[in-house]
Protein backbone atom coordinates (compact mmCIF):
# COMPACT_ATOMS: atom_id res chain seq x y z
CA MET A 1 91.80 174.85 61.23
CA PRO A 2 89.93 171.49 60.62
CA LEU A 3 91.28 169.31 58.76
CA ARG A 4 88.11 169.37 55.90
CA PHE A 5 89.45 172.60 55.00
CA ILE A 6 92.91 171.70 54.81
CA ILE A 7 92.84 168.65 52.64
CA PRO A 8 91.34 170.56 49.28
CA PHE A 9 93.86 173.12 49.55
CA VAL A 10 96.39 170.16 49.26
CA PHE A 11 95.03 168.03 46.38
CA LEU A 12 94.78 171.78 44.72
CA PHE A 13 98.95 172.42 45.34
CA PHE A 14 99.49 169.21 44.41
CA PHE A 15 97.60 169.75 41.16
CA SER A 16 99.12 173.29 40.21
CA ALA A 17 102.54 171.46 40.51
CA LEU A 18 101.97 169.24 37.97
CA ALA A 19 100.26 171.44 35.56
CA ARG A 20 103.47 173.49 35.90
CA ALA A 21 105.69 170.68 34.99
CA ASP A 22 107.42 170.74 31.93
CA THR A 23 107.12 167.70 29.90
CA ILE A 24 109.73 165.77 28.29
CA LEU A 25 108.85 163.90 24.97
CA VAL A 26 110.75 161.10 24.02
CA TRP A 27 110.06 160.21 20.77
CA GLY A 28 111.92 156.80 19.16
CA ASP A 29 111.73 153.18 18.13
CA SER A 30 111.81 149.97 19.99
CA LEU A 31 114.78 151.21 21.81
CA SER A 32 113.23 153.86 24.30
CA ALA A 33 110.12 151.59 24.14
CA GLY A 34 111.25 149.03 26.35
CA TYR A 35 111.30 146.28 23.64
CA GLY A 36 111.52 142.59 25.97
CA LEU A 37 111.84 144.59 28.97
CA ASP A 38 109.38 144.96 31.79
CA GLN A 39 107.31 148.03 31.95
CA GLY A 40 109.58 150.43 34.50
CA GLN A 41 112.92 149.23 33.29
CA GLU A 42 113.50 151.41 30.05
CA TRP A 43 115.27 154.06 30.30
CA PRO A 44 113.00 156.64 29.52
CA ALA A 45 111.10 155.77 32.75
CA LEU A 46 114.47 155.37 34.39
CA LEU A 47 115.22 159.34 33.41
CA GLN A 48 112.39 160.05 35.36
CA THR A 49 114.10 158.89 38.53
CA ARG A 50 117.04 160.36 37.79
CA LEU A 51 115.07 163.77 37.23
CA GLN A 52 113.37 164.05 39.69
CA SER A 53 116.46 162.73 42.17
CA GLU A 54 118.35 165.59 40.97
CA GLY A 55 115.65 168.12 41.73
CA PHE A 56 114.07 169.00 38.17
CA ARG A 57 109.92 168.53 38.16
CA HIS A 58 109.99 167.67 34.30
CA VAL A 59 107.57 164.86 33.53
CA VAL A 60 108.64 162.31 30.81
CA VAL A 61 106.44 161.12 28.41
CA ASN A 62 107.45 158.13 26.30
CA ALA A 63 105.76 158.05 23.43
CA SER A 64 108.43 155.30 21.45
CA VAL A 65 107.01 152.47 19.32
CA SER A 66 108.85 149.93 18.38
CA GLY A 67 109.27 149.02 14.71
CA GLU A 68 108.92 152.83 14.10
CA THR A 69 111.31 154.72 11.69
CA SER A 70 111.98 158.03 11.25
CA SER A 71 109.18 158.53 8.04
CA GLY A 72 106.46 157.04 10.59
CA GLY A 73 107.96 159.67 13.68
CA ARG A 74 107.77 162.77 11.00
CA THR A 75 103.52 161.74 10.96
CA ARG A 76 102.77 161.32 13.80
CA LEU A 77 105.00 164.05 15.55
CA PRO A 78 102.69 167.07 14.71
CA ALA A 79 99.49 165.21 16.86
CA ALA A 80 102.03 164.26 19.61
CA LEU A 81 103.54 168.10 19.42
CA ALA A 82 99.32 169.13 20.09
CA GLU A 83 99.05 166.59 22.71
CA HIS A 84 101.41 166.86 25.18
CA SER A 85 102.81 170.40 24.11
CA PRO A 86 106.57 168.92 25.41
CA THR A 87 109.13 172.03 26.31
CA LEU A 88 112.06 168.96 25.26
CA VAL A 89 112.30 166.34 22.34
CA ILE A 90 114.52 164.18 22.75
CA LEU A 91 114.00 162.16 19.36
CA GLU A 92 115.85 158.82 18.94
CA LEU A 93 115.15 157.33 15.79
CA GLY A 94 116.63 156.47 12.60
CA ALA A 95 117.83 152.70 13.52
CA ASN A 96 114.89 151.26 11.57
CA ASP A 97 115.50 152.83 8.61
CA GLY A 98 119.29 151.51 9.09
CA LEU A 99 118.34 148.25 9.27
CA ARG A 100 116.14 148.29 6.37
CA GLY A 101 118.80 149.83 4.53
CA LEU A 102 116.75 152.95 3.84
CA LYS A 103 118.38 155.99 1.78
CA PRO A 104 120.56 158.46 4.71
CA GLN A 105 119.09 161.09 2.81
CA LEU A 106 115.74 159.87 3.39
CA LEU A 107 116.58 159.93 7.26
CA ALA A 108 118.26 163.41 6.87
CA ASP A 109 115.36 165.03 5.97
CA ASN A 110 112.81 163.20 8.16
CA LEU A 111 114.91 164.36 11.33
CA GLY A 112 115.14 168.16 9.92
CA ALA A 113 111.59 167.72 9.57
CA MET A 114 110.51 166.60 12.39
CA ILE A 115 113.26 168.80 14.84
CA ASP A 116 111.53 172.47 12.72
CA ALA A 117 108.50 171.10 13.76
CA ALA A 118 109.65 170.83 17.29
CA HIS A 119 110.77 173.81 17.32
CA GLU A 120 107.84 175.21 16.05
CA ALA A 121 106.11 173.96 18.93
CA GLY A 122 108.12 175.69 21.69
CA ALA A 123 110.00 172.98 22.34
CA ARG A 124 113.67 172.09 22.36
CA VAL A 125 115.19 168.90 20.80
CA LEU A 126 118.07 166.40 21.59
CA LEU A 127 118.94 164.80 18.99
CA VAL A 128 120.57 160.66 19.52
CA GLY A 129 122.81 159.78 17.30
CA MET A 130 122.74 155.73 16.15
CA ARG A 131 125.50 153.70 14.55
CA MET A 132 124.71 150.23 12.49
CA PRO A 133 126.94 146.79 13.03
CA PRO A 134 130.06 147.06 10.20
CA ASN A 135 128.54 144.05 8.50
CA TYR A 136 126.22 146.64 6.46
CA GLY A 137 129.45 147.97 4.72
CA PRO A 138 132.17 150.73 5.40
CA ALA A 139 130.27 153.12 3.28
CA TYR A 140 126.28 152.75 4.29
CA THR A 141 127.79 152.48 8.01
CA ARG A 142 130.02 155.89 7.87
CA ARG A 143 127.33 158.50 6.01
CA PHE A 144 124.92 157.18 8.40
CA ALA A 145 126.27 158.06 11.38
CA GLU A 146 127.41 161.47 9.75
CA VAL A 147 123.35 161.66 9.35
CA PHE A 148 123.03 162.71 12.68
CA ALA A 149 126.15 164.68 12.71
CA ASP A 150 125.12 166.94 9.88
CA VAL A 151 121.84 167.13 11.31
CA ALA A 152 122.60 168.23 14.58
CA GLU A 153 125.09 170.93 13.09
CA ALA A 154 122.55 172.27 10.41
CA LYS A 155 119.37 173.03 13.15
CA LYS A 156 122.17 173.83 15.56
CA VAL A 157 120.85 171.18 18.22
CA PRO A 158 122.66 169.29 20.90
CA LEU A 159 123.55 165.33 20.03
CA VAL A 160 124.34 162.74 21.84
CA PRO A 161 126.29 160.64 19.57
CA PHE A 162 125.48 156.85 20.01
CA LEU A 163 122.80 155.62 22.28
CA MET A 164 124.22 152.72 22.91
CA ASP A 165 127.72 154.15 23.73
CA GLY A 166 130.35 152.17 26.29
CA PHE A 167 128.04 149.05 25.66
CA ALA A 168 127.76 148.05 21.93
CA ASP A 169 130.13 145.24 22.32
CA ARG A 170 129.40 143.94 24.86
CA PRO A 171 126.77 141.11 23.69
CA GLU A 172 126.27 140.38 28.22
CA LEU A 173 124.08 143.62 28.31
CA PHE A 174 121.90 142.69 25.20
CA LEU A 175 118.83 140.50 24.73
CA ALA A 176 119.39 137.37 22.76
CA ASP A 177 118.78 139.04 19.47
CA GLY A 178 121.42 140.80 19.70
CA ILE A 179 119.66 144.12 18.70
CA HIS A 180 118.18 145.53 22.23
CA PRO A 181 119.85 146.87 25.29
CA ALA A 182 118.64 144.05 27.76
CA ALA A 183 117.82 145.47 31.42
CA GLU A 184 121.30 145.74 32.87
CA ALA A 185 122.07 148.59 29.76
CA GLN A 186 119.18 151.01 30.61
CA PRO A 187 121.11 152.68 33.50
CA ARG A 188 124.22 153.74 31.27
CA ILE A 189 121.78 154.40 28.33
CA VAL A 190 120.70 157.20 30.89
CA ASP A 191 124.08 158.12 31.77
CA THR A 192 124.72 158.56 27.97
CA VAL A 193 121.43 160.59 27.42
CA TRP A 194 121.69 162.57 31.07
CA ALA A 195 125.28 164.13 29.47
CA GLY A 196 123.17 165.73 26.69
CA LEU A 197 120.27 166.18 28.38
CA HIS A 198 121.18 168.42 31.49
CA PRO A 199 122.58 171.00 30.16
CA LEU A 200 119.41 171.59 28.27
CA LEU A 201 117.57 171.43 31.58
CA VAL A 202 120.01 174.50 33.20
CA SER A 203 119.26 176.35 30.33
CA ASP A 204 115.81 176.05 30.71
CA GLY A 205 116.21 176.52 34.87
CA ARG A 206 117.88 179.73 34.06
CA LYS A 207 115.13 180.88 32.04
CA SER A 208 112.73 180.68 34.28
CA ALA A 209 114.48 182.04 37.15
CA ARG A 210 115.04 185.41 34.65
CA ARG A 211 110.84 185.50 33.66
């Protein structure tokens, strides 16, 4: 077959594969947006590489916004769900609520509403938790951390308890502001998120195989 006839079929196959690829929407704040990092260093970009190396065809869409609160994320989410039609949403919001001292109940309400919106759009959700430093007081830090577990249980979604698990007490893995993880910490975040994400990917694969 002449080359001029083969090339269109190759492109057709390539774009058909992209069309069939499931989308993972990362819905977070500066911790996921890559604040202070070079493009491609942020953990959602590394997650895309991990997916490919593990044989998953999912496409990661990182729609995270620096400074985002749970209220802002709740307002923006319906449009993003309509635009990207994700099969999975990684929900990583709440840190800015905590830093501003907002009421934990407001965070709980917003997280619950976003999970409901994602489910109504046909997407599964992986909730990612956050913790506040001790200077916010024991009562607030405890209640803040409990919000994520409570919402995950109520909405029956898997939970990654703490995005920065295993390195939050290591200042050398943070930028100069002491808040945002440095590039060296991003692979650790991927490992933490992967532990919660991988079972969902495997489960989705089994469902697809049964269709």
